[in-house]
PDB file of N, CA and C in Angstrom:
ATOM      1  N   MET A   1     130.281 116.304 114.126  1.00  0.00           N
ATOM      2  CA  MET A   1     129.831 117.833 113.947  1.00  0.00           C
ATOM      3  C   MET A   1     128.457 118.001 114.481  1.00  0.00           C
ATOM      4  N   ASN A   2     128.280 118.894 115.387  1.00  0.00           N
ATOM      5  CA  ASN A   2     126.884 119.202 115.960  1.00  0.00           C
ATOM      6  C   ASN A   2     126.370 120.537 115.171  1.00  0.00           C
ATOM      7  N   LYS A   3     125.239 120.923 115.643  1.00  0.00           N
ATOM      8  CA  LYS A   3     124.597 122.109 115.059  1.00  0.00           C
ATOM      9  C   LYS A   3     125.504 123.393 115.281  1.00  0.00           C
ATOM     10  N   GLY A   4     125.951 123.591 116.449  1.00  0.00           N
ATOM     11  CA  GLY A   4     126.907 124.567 116.579  1.00  0.00           C
ATOM     12  C   GLY A   4     128.265 124.758 115.730  1.00  0.00           C
ATOM     13  N   ASP A   5     128.730 123.497 115.464  1.00  0.00           N
ATOM     14  CA  ASP A   5     129.821 123.431 114.602  1.00  0.00           C
ATOM     15  C   ASP A   5     129.480 123.754 113.138  1.00  0.00           C
ATOM     16  N   LEU A   6     128.355 123.225 112.756  1.00  0.00           N
ATOM     17  CA  LEU A   6     127.712 123.543 111.549  1.00  0.00           C
ATOM     18  C   LEU A   6     127.493 125.084 111.295  1.00  0.00           C
ATOM     19  N   ILE A   7     126.965 125.628 112.271  1.00  0.00           N
ATOM     20  CA  ILE A   7     126.734 127.118 112.186  1.00  0.00           C
ATOM     21  C   ILE A   7     128.085 127.839 112.094  1.00  0.00           C
ATOM     22  N   ASP A   8     129.108 127.443 112.687  1.00  0.00           N
ATOM     23  CA  ASP A   8     130.500 128.003 112.614  1.00  0.00           C
ATOM     24  C   ASP A   8     131.045 127.807 111.280  1.00  0.00           C
ATOM     25  N   VAL A   9     130.837 126.719 110.662  1.00  0.00           N
ATOM     26  CA  VAL A   9     131.325 126.622 109.322  1.00  0.00           C
ATOM     27  C   VAL A   9     130.694 127.246 108.254  1.00  0.00           C
ATOM     28  N   VAL A  10     129.344 127.352 108.397  1.00  0.00           N
ATOM     29  CA  VAL A  10     128.491 128.192 107.378  1.00  0.00           C
ATOM     30  C   VAL A  10     128.951 129.432 107.451  1.00  0.00           C
ATOM     31  N   ALA A  11     128.950 130.057 108.625  1.00  0.00           N
ATOM     32  CA  ALA A  11     129.207 131.522 108.995  1.00  0.00           C
ATOM     33  C   ALA A  11     130.461 131.825 108.288  1.00  0.00           C
ATOM     34  N   GLU A  12     131.446 130.942 108.399  1.00  0.00           N
ATOM     35  CA  GLU A  12     132.901 131.220 107.844  1.00  0.00           C
ATOM     36  C   GLU A  12     132.784 131.253 106.348  1.00  0.00           C
ATOM     37  N   LYS A  13     132.070 130.049 105.685  1.00  0.00           N
ATOM     38  CA  LYS A  13     132.135 129.860 104.367  1.00  0.00           C
ATOM     39  C   LYS A  13     131.237 131.157 103.577  1.00  0.00           C
ATOM     40  N   THR A  14     130.281 131.549 104.290  1.00  0.00           N
ATOM     41  CA  THR A  14     129.438 132.521 103.620  1.00  0.00           C
ATOM     42  C   THR A  14     129.521 134.067 104.045  1.00  0.00           C
ATOM     43  N   HIS A  15     130.499 134.169 104.857  1.00  0.00           N
ATOM     44  CA  HIS A  15     130.847 135.465 105.479  1.00  0.00           C
ATOM     45  C   HIS A  15     129.703 136.143 106.141  1.00  0.00           C
ATOM     46  N   LEU A  16     128.839 135.419 106.817  1.00  0.00           N
ATOM     47  CA  LEU A  16     127.599 135.814 107.612  1.00  0.00           C
ATOM     48  C   LEU A  16     128.133 135.745 109.024  1.00  0.00           C
ATOM     49  N   SER A  17     127.364 136.601 109.608  1.00  0.00           N
ATOM     50  CA  SER A  17     127.541 136.408 111.208  1.00  0.00           C
ATOM     51  C   SER A  17     126.923 135.080 111.624  1.00  0.00           C
ATOM     52  N   LYS A  18     127.479 134.698 112.840  1.00  0.00           N
ATOM     53  CA  LYS A  18     127.049 133.370 113.316  1.00  0.00           C
ATOM     54  C   LYS A  18     125.477 133.444 113.585  1.00  0.00           C
ATOM     55  N   LYS A  19     125.009 134.566 114.021  1.00  0.00           N
ATOM     56  CA  LYS A  19     123.577 134.724 114.345  1.00  0.00           C
ATOM     57  C   LYS A  19     122.751 134.436 112.951  1.00  0.00           C
ATOM     58  N   GLN A  20     123.269 135.223 111.948  1.00  0.00           N
ATOM     59  CA  GLN A  20     122.542 135.096 110.543  1.00  0.00           C
ATOM     60  C   GLN A  20     122.656 133.692 110.109  1.00  0.00           C
ATOM     61  N   ALA A  21     123.820 132.925 110.353  1.00  0.00           N
ATOM     62  CA  ALA A  21     123.991 131.493 109.871  1.00  0.00           C
ATOM     63  C   ALA A  21     122.996 130.668 110.712  1.00  0.00           C
ATOM     64  N   GLU A  22     122.964 130.988 111.817  1.00  0.00           N
ATOM     65  CA  GLU A  22     122.040 130.070 112.817  1.00  0.00           C
ATOM     66  C   GLU A  22     120.601 130.229 112.419  1.00  0.00           C
ATOM     67  N   LEU A  23     120.141 131.517 112.062  1.00  0.00           N
ATOM     68  CA  LEU A  23     118.890 131.795 111.611  1.00  0.00           C
ATOM     69  C   LEU A  23     118.579 131.105 110.250  1.00  0.00           C
ATOM     70  N   ALA A  24     119.594 130.965 109.246  1.00  0.00           N
ATOM     71  CA  ALA A  24     119.423 130.388 108.105  1.00  0.00           C
ATOM     72  C   ALA A  24     119.328 128.775 108.185  1.00  0.00           C
ATOM     73  N   ILE A  25     120.188 128.132 108.984  1.00  0.00           N
ATOM     74  CA  ILE A  25     120.123 126.740 109.244  1.00  0.00           C
ATOM     75  C   ILE A  25     118.874 126.440 109.898  1.00  0.00           C
ATOM     76  N   SER A  26     118.487 127.111 110.800  1.00  0.00           N
ATOM     77  CA  SER A  26     117.264 126.756 111.679  1.00  0.00           C
ATOM     78  C   SER A  26     116.162 126.898 110.806  1.00  0.00           C
ATOM     79  N   ALA A  27     116.047 128.013 110.049  1.00  0.00           N
ATOM     80  CA  ALA A  27     114.908 128.043 109.043  1.00  0.00           C
ATOM     81  C   ALA A  27     114.803 126.911 108.121  1.00  0.00           C
ATOM     82  N   THR A  28     116.016 126.469 107.553  1.00  0.00           N
ATOM     83  CA  THR A  28     116.020 125.349 106.662  1.00  0.00           C
ATOM     84  C   THR A  28     115.569 124.106 107.300  1.00  0.00           C
ATOM     85  N   ILE A  29     116.097 123.734 108.398  1.00  0.00           N
ATOM     86  CA  ILE A  29     115.625 122.627 109.063  1.00  0.00           C
ATOM     87  C   ILE A  29     114.160 122.645 109.435  1.00  0.00           C
ATOM     88  N   ASP A  30     113.677 123.632 109.827  1.00  0.00           N
ATOM     89  CA  ASP A  30     112.233 123.841 110.349  1.00  0.00           C
ATOM     90  C   ASP A  30     111.386 123.641 109.106  1.00  0.00           C
ATOM     91  N   THR A  31     111.818 124.303 107.808  1.00  0.00           N
ATOM     92  CA  THR A  31     111.011 124.185 106.768  1.00  0.00           C
ATOM     93  C   THR A  31     110.897 122.630 106.220  1.00  0.00           C
ATOM     94  N   ILE A  32     112.143 122.038 106.249  1.00  0.00           N
ATOM     95  CA  ILE A  32     112.269 120.575 105.839  1.00  0.00           C
ATOM     96  C   ILE A  32     111.238 119.774 106.785  1.00  0.00           C
ATOM     97  N   MET A  33     111.387 119.939 107.978  1.00  0.00           N
ATOM     98  CA  MET A  33     110.461 119.234 108.953  1.00  0.00           C
ATOM     99  C   MET A  33     109.002 119.385 108.872  1.00  0.00           C
ATOM    100  N   ASP A  34     108.629 120.737 108.528  1.00  0.00           N
ATOM    101  CA  ASP A  34     107.257 121.105 108.173  1.00  0.00           C
ATOM    102  C   ASP A  34     106.767 120.468 107.074  1.00  0.00           C
ATOM    103  N   ALA A  35     107.555 120.478 106.086  1.00  0.00           N
ATOM    104  CA  ALA A  35     107.142 119.994 104.680  1.00  0.00           C
ATOM    105  C   ALA A  35     106.936 118.461 104.735  1.00  0.00           C
ATOM    106  N   VAL A  36     107.874 117.725 105.404  1.00  0.00           N
ATOM    107  CA  VAL A  36     107.820 116.204 105.459  1.00  0.00           C
ATOM    108  C   VAL A  36     106.736 115.876 106.514  1.00  0.00           C
ATOM    109  N   SER A  37     106.400 116.648 107.531  1.00  0.00           N
ATOM    110  CA  SER A  37     105.210 116.412 108.455  1.00  0.00           C
ATOM    111  C   SER A  37     103.903 116.470 107.655  1.00  0.00           C
ATOM    112  N   HIS A  38     103.828 117.381 106.624  1.00  0.00           N
ATOM    113  CA  HIS A  38     102.703 117.619 105.756  1.00  0.00           C
ATOM    114  C   HIS A  38     102.734 116.687 104.425  1.00  0.00           C
ATOM    115  N   ASP A  39     103.374 115.654 104.608  1.00  0.00           N
ATOM    116  CA  ASP A  39     103.484 114.530 103.597  1.00  0.00           C
ATOM    117  C   ASP A  39     104.014 115.046 102.273  1.00  0.00           C
ATOM    118  N   GLN A  40     104.898 116.108 102.354  1.00  0.00           N
ATOM    119  CA  GLN A  40     105.604 116.574 101.034  1.00  0.00           C
ATOM    120  C   GLN A  40     107.116 116.045 101.140  1.00  0.00           C
ATOM    121  N   LYS A  41     107.434 115.760  99.855  1.00  0.00           N
ATOM    122  CA  LYS A  41     108.869 115.299  99.698  1.00  0.00           C
ATOM    123  C   LYS A  41     109.740 116.463  99.466  1.00  0.00           C
ATOM    124  N   VAL A  42     110.927 116.627 100.109  1.00  0.00           N
ATOM    125  CA  VAL A  42     111.917 117.575  99.888  1.00  0.00           C
ATOM    126  C   VAL A  42     113.104 117.014  99.277  1.00  0.00           C
ATOM    127  N   THR A  43     113.376 117.574  97.944  1.00  0.00           N
ATOM    128  CA  THR A  43     114.588 117.008  97.413  1.00  0.00           C
ATOM    129  C   THR A  43     115.502 118.158  97.165  1.00  0.00           C
ATOM    130  N   LEU A  44     116.873 117.924  97.520  1.00  0.00           N
ATOM    131  CA  LEU A  44     117.882 118.830  97.252  1.00  0.00           C
ATOM    132  C   LEU A  44     118.962 118.015  96.352  1.00  0.00           C
ATOM    133  N   VAL A  45     118.931 118.445  95.077  1.00  0.00           N
ATOM    134  CA  VAL A  45     119.511 117.717  94.107  1.00  0.00           C
ATOM    135  C   VAL A  45     121.026 117.658  94.370  1.00  0.00           C
ATOM    136  N   GLY A  46     121.611 116.473  94.367  1.00  0.00           N
ATOM    137  CA  GLY A  46     122.928 116.126  94.617  1.00  0.00           C
ATOM    138  C   GLY A  46     123.111 115.704  96.239  1.00  0.00           C
ATOM    139  N   PHE A  47     122.204 116.265  97.004  1.00  0.00           N
ATOM    140  CA  PHE A  47     122.304 116.072  98.437  1.00  0.00           C
ATOM    141  C   PHE A  47     121.534 114.807  98.837  1.00  0.00           C
ATOM    142  N   GLY A  48     120.122 114.911  98.489  1.00  0.00           N
ATOM    143  CA  GLY A  48     119.214 113.790  99.077  1.00  0.00           C
ATOM    144  C   GLY A  48     117.956 114.211  99.096  1.00  0.00           C
ATOM    145  N   SER A  49     117.017 113.422  99.502  1.00  0.00           N
ATOM    146  CA  SER A  49     115.704 113.598  99.604  1.00  0.00           C
ATOM    147  C   SER A  49     115.140 113.230 100.983  1.00  0.00           C
ATOM    148  N   PHE A  50     114.288 114.087 101.531  1.00  0.00           N
ATOM    149  CA  PHE A  50     113.629 113.776 102.817  1.00  0.00           C
ATOM    150  C   PHE A  50     112.195 113.459 102.467  1.00  0.00           C
ATOM    151  N   GLU A  51     111.609 112.512 103.214  1.00  0.00           N
ATOM    152  CA  GLU A  51     110.243 112.127 102.948  1.00  0.00           C
ATOM    153  C   GLU A  51     109.491 111.406 104.185  1.00  0.00           C
ATOM    154  N   ARG A  52     108.329 111.321 104.083  1.00  0.00           N
ATOM    155  CA  ARG A  52     107.639 110.507 105.175  1.00  0.00           C
ATOM    156  C   ARG A  52     107.412 109.059 104.555  1.00  0.00           C
ATOM    157  N   ARG A  53     107.726 108.163 105.449  1.00  0.00           N
ATOM    158  CA  ARG A  53     107.412 106.660 104.968  1.00  0.00           C
ATOM    159  C   ARG A  53     106.522 106.006 106.069  1.00  0.00           C
ATOM    160  N   ALA A  54     105.757 105.041 105.577  1.00  0.00           N
ATOM    161  CA  ALA A  54     104.867 104.282 106.498  1.00  0.00           C
ATOM    162  C   ALA A  54     105.653 103.074 106.751  1.00  0.00           C
ATOM    163  N   ARG A  55     105.473 102.780 108.081  1.00  0.00           N
ATOM    164  CA  ARG A  55     106.059 101.624 108.652  1.00  0.00           C
ATOM    165  C   ARG A  55     104.918 100.741 109.154  1.00  0.00           C
ATOM    166  N   LYS A  56     104.765  99.432 108.638  1.00  0.00           N
ATOM    167  CA  LYS A  56     103.780  98.649 108.890  1.00  0.00           C
ATOM    168  C   LYS A  56     103.656  98.120 110.472  1.00  0.00           C
ATOM    169  N   ALA A  57     102.599  97.750 110.808  1.00  0.00           N
ATOM    170  CA  ALA A  57     102.584  97.029 112.190  1.00  0.00           C
ATOM    171  C   ALA A  57     103.293  95.707 112.024  1.00  0.00           C
ATOM    172  N   ARG A  58     103.976  95.320 113.171  1.00  0.00           N
ATOM    173  CA  ARG A  58     104.747  94.115 113.164  1.00  0.00           C
ATOM    174  C   ARG A  58     104.787  93.479 114.532  1.00  0.00           C
ATOM    175  N   GLU A  59     105.223  92.231 114.474  1.00  0.00           N
ATOM    176  CA  GLU A  59     105.357  91.609 115.856  1.00  0.00           C
ATOM    177  C   GLU A  59     106.768  91.828 116.382  1.00  0.00           C
ATOM    178  N   GLY A  60     106.892  92.024 117.742  1.00  0.00           N
ATOM    179  CA  GLY A  60     108.089  92.213 118.305  1.00  0.00           C
ATOM    180  C   GLY A  60     108.155  91.548 119.588  1.00  0.00           C
ATOM    181  N   ARG A  61     109.340  91.637 120.344  1.00  0.00           N
ATOM    182  CA  ARG A  61     109.350  90.985 121.490  1.00  0.00           C
ATOM    183  C   ARG A  61     109.815  92.102 122.714  1.00  0.00           C
ATOM    184  N   ASN A  62     109.328  91.882 123.812  1.00  0.00           N
ATOM    185  CA  ASN A  62     109.740  92.758 124.929  1.00  0.00           C
ATOM    186  C   ASN A  62     111.187  92.165 125.256  1.00  0.00           C
ATOM    187  N   PRO A  63     112.207  93.087 125.309  1.00  0.00           N
ATOM    188  CA  PRO A  63     113.351  92.593 125.601  1.00  0.00           C
ATOM    189  C   PRO A  63     113.760  92.063 127.071  1.00  0.00           C
ATOM    190  N   LYS A  64     112.968  92.564 127.964  1.00  0.00           N
ATOM    191  CA  LYS A  64     112.981  92.214 129.338  1.00  0.00           C
ATOM    192  C   LYS A  64     112.369  90.740 129.687  1.00  0.00           C
ATOM    193  N   THR A  65     111.128  90.602 129.082  1.00  0.00           N
ATOM    194  CA  THR A  65     110.445  89.426 129.446  1.00  0.00           C
ATOM    195  C   THR A  65     110.329  88.498 128.159  1.00  0.00           C
ATOM    196  N   HIS A  66     110.824  88.761 127.046  1.00  0.00           N
ATOM    197  CA  HIS A  66     110.795  88.091 125.862  1.00  0.00           C
ATOM    198  C   HIS A  66     109.385  87.756 125.414  1.00  0.00           C
ATOM    199  N   GLN A  67     108.284  88.344 125.886  1.00  0.00           N
ATOM    200  CA  GLN A  67     106.959  88.107 125.496  1.00  0.00           C
ATOM    201  C   GLN A  67     106.652  88.778 124.242  1.00  0.00           C
ATOM    202  N   LYS A  68     105.848  88.178 123.276  1.00  0.00           N
ATOM    203  CA  LYS A  68     105.391  88.742 122.005  1.00  0.00           C
ATOM    204  C   LYS A  68     104.711  89.798 122.243  1.00  0.00           C
ATOM    205  N   MET A  69     104.773  90.914 121.260  1.00  0.00           N
ATOM    206  CA  MET A  69     103.783  92.065 121.402  1.00  0.00           C
ATOM    207  C   MET A  69     103.755  92.538 120.057  1.00  0.00           C
ATOM    208  N   MET A  70     102.631  93.227 119.844  1.00  0.00           N
ATOM    209  CA  MET A  70     102.516  93.968 118.588  1.00  0.00           C
ATOM    210  C   MET A  70     103.078  95.434 118.544  1.00  0.00           C
ATOM    211  N   ILE A  71     103.725  95.620 117.522  1.00  0.00           N
ATOM    212  CA  ILE A  71     104.331  97.037 117.343  1.00  0.00           C
ATOM    213  C   ILE A  71     103.393  97.808 116.303  1.00  0.00           C
ATOM    214  N   PRO A  72     102.712  98.806 116.721  1.00  0.00           N
ATOM    215  CA  PRO A  72     101.768  99.451 115.751  1.00  0.00           C
ATOM    216  C   PRO A  72     102.349 100.130 114.686  1.00  0.00           C
ATOM    217  N   ALA A  73     101.473 100.254 113.624  1.00  0.00           N
ATOM    218  CA  ALA A  73     101.916 100.945 112.408  1.00  0.00           C
ATOM    219  C   ALA A  73     102.260 102.306 112.735  1.00  0.00           C
ATOM    220  N   THR A  74     103.105 102.970 112.054  1.00  0.00           N
ATOM    221  CA  THR A  74     103.444 104.322 112.230  1.00  0.00           C
ATOM    222  C   THR A  74     104.114 104.949 110.970  1.00  0.00           C
ATOM    223  N   GLU A  75     104.233 106.236 111.180  1.00  0.00           N
ATOM    224  CA  GLU A  75     104.841 106.966 109.925  1.00  0.00           C
ATOM    225  C   GLU A  75     106.198 107.578 110.575  1.00  0.00           C
ATOM    226  N   VAL A  76     107.254 107.588 109.748  1.00  0.00           N
ATOM    227  CA  VAL A  76     108.538 107.814 110.248  1.00  0.00           C
ATOM    228  C   VAL A  76     109.316 108.870 109.082  1.00  0.00           C
ATOM    229  N   PRO A  77     110.055 109.640 109.554  1.00  0.00           N
ATOM    230  CA  PRO A  77     110.892 110.510 108.589  1.00  0.00           C
ATOM    231  C   PRO A  77     111.958 109.692 107.893  1.00  0.00           C
ATOM    232  N   ALA A  78     112.311 109.899 106.615  1.00  0.00           N
ATOM    233  CA  ALA A  78     113.385 109.099 106.098  1.00  0.00           C
ATOM    234  C   ALA A  78     114.168 110.037 105.264  1.00  0.00           C
ATOM    235  N   PHE A  79     115.464 109.674 105.044  1.00  0.00           N
ATOM    236  CA  PHE A  79     116.432 110.355 104.115  1.00  0.00           C
ATOM    237  C   PHE A  79     117.070 109.355 103.243  1.00  0.00           C
ATOM    238  N   SER A  80     117.032 109.795 101.906  1.00  0.00           N
ATOM    239  CA  SER A  80     117.745 108.975 100.944  1.00  0.00           C
ATOM    240  C   SER A  80     118.829 109.992 100.261  1.00  0.00           C
ATOM    241  N   ALA A  81     120.108 109.468 100.540  1.00  0.00           N
ATOM    242  CA  ALA A  81     121.346 110.304 100.004  1.00  0.00           C
ATOM    243  C   ALA A  81     121.200 110.251  98.408  1.00  0.00           C
ATOM    244  N   GLY A  82     121.560 111.547  97.953  1.00  0.00           N
ATOM    245  CA  GLY A  82     121.625 111.736  96.381  1.00  0.00           C
ATOM    246  C   GLY A  82     122.970 111.088  95.920  1.00  0.00           C
ATOM    247  N   LYS A  83     123.082 111.156  94.526  1.00  0.00           N
ATOM    248  CA  LYS A  83     124.224 110.473  93.835  1.00  0.00           C
ATOM    249  C   LYS A  83     125.561 111.083  94.364  1.00  0.00           C
ATOM    250  N   LEU A  84     125.469 112.543  94.196  1.00  0.00           N
ATOM    251  CA  LEU A  84     126.752 113.207  94.552  1.00  0.00           C
ATOM    252  C   LEU A  84     127.230 113.023  95.941  1.00  0.00           C
ATOM    253  N   PHE A  85     126.228 112.964  96.930  1.00  0.00           N
ATOM    254  CA  PHE A  85     126.539 112.721  98.251  1.00  0.00           C
ATOM    255  C   PHE A  85     127.144 111.347  98.397  1.00  0.00           C
ATOM    256  N   LYS A  86     126.564 110.442  97.833  1.00  0.00           N
ATOM    257  CA  LYS A  86     127.115 108.966  97.888  1.00  0.00           C
ATOM    258  C   LYS A  86     128.503 108.729  97.344  1.00  0.00           C
ATOM    259  N   GLU A  87     128.798 109.639  96.122  1.00  0.00           N
ATOM    260  CA  GLU A  87     130.205 109.532  95.507  1.00  0.00           C
ATOM    261  C   GLU A  87     131.086 110.361  96.425  1.00  0.00           C
ATOM    262  N   LYS A  88     130.854 111.307  97.025  1.00  0.00           N
ATOM    263  CA  LYS A  88     131.703 112.076  98.095  1.00  0.00           C
ATOM    264  C   LYS A  88     132.030 111.204  99.155  1.00  0.00           C
ATOM    265  N   VAL A  89     131.106 110.449  99.835  1.00  0.00           N
ATOM    266  CA  VAL A  89     131.422 109.579 100.893  1.00  0.00           C
ATOM    267  C   VAL A  89     132.232 108.304 100.342  1.00  0.00           C
ATOM    268  N   SER A  90     131.918 107.759  99.259  1.00  0.00           N
ATOM    269  CA  SER A  90     132.558 106.600  98.828  1.00  0.00           C
ATOM    270  C   SER A  90     133.024 106.799  97.434  1.00  0.00           C
ATOM    271  N   PRO A  91     134.172 107.536  97.246  1.00  0.00           N
ATOM    272  CA  PRO A  91     134.500 107.979  95.886  1.00  0.00           C
ATOM    273  C   PRO A  91     134.980 106.842  95.074  1.00  0.00           C
ATOM    274  N   GLY A  92     135.439 105.665  95.630  1.00  0.00           N
ATOM    275  CA  GLY A  92     135.991 104.560  94.718  1.00  0.00           C
ATOM    276  C   GLY A  92     134.998 103.659  94.066  1.00  0.00           C
ATOM    277  N   LYS A  93     133.721 103.822  94.385  1.00  0.00           N
ATOM    278  CA  LYS A  93     132.713 102.977  94.058  1.00  0.00           C
ATOM    279  C   LYS A  93     131.695 103.459  92.860  1.00  0.00           C
TER     280      LYS A  93
END
């Protein structure tokens, strides 16, 4: 499912126009990205949490030359699925 498909499903389930659904989904995504980029954790109970995580510097290898190189420390977005989401994906566990 891509963003267009998601907009179609949300529009149908909420009885909104596709344009209104697109605005709502885009605003939600933008708000989550802005919050995480400002080091705020976003928690949607049952669905999951979005947060910024630090990744330490580490040694890696250039796949072409196999030469060792240092990969610098960075910060990355992370998502942790909530309990309800996990149960929906794997109901027998």
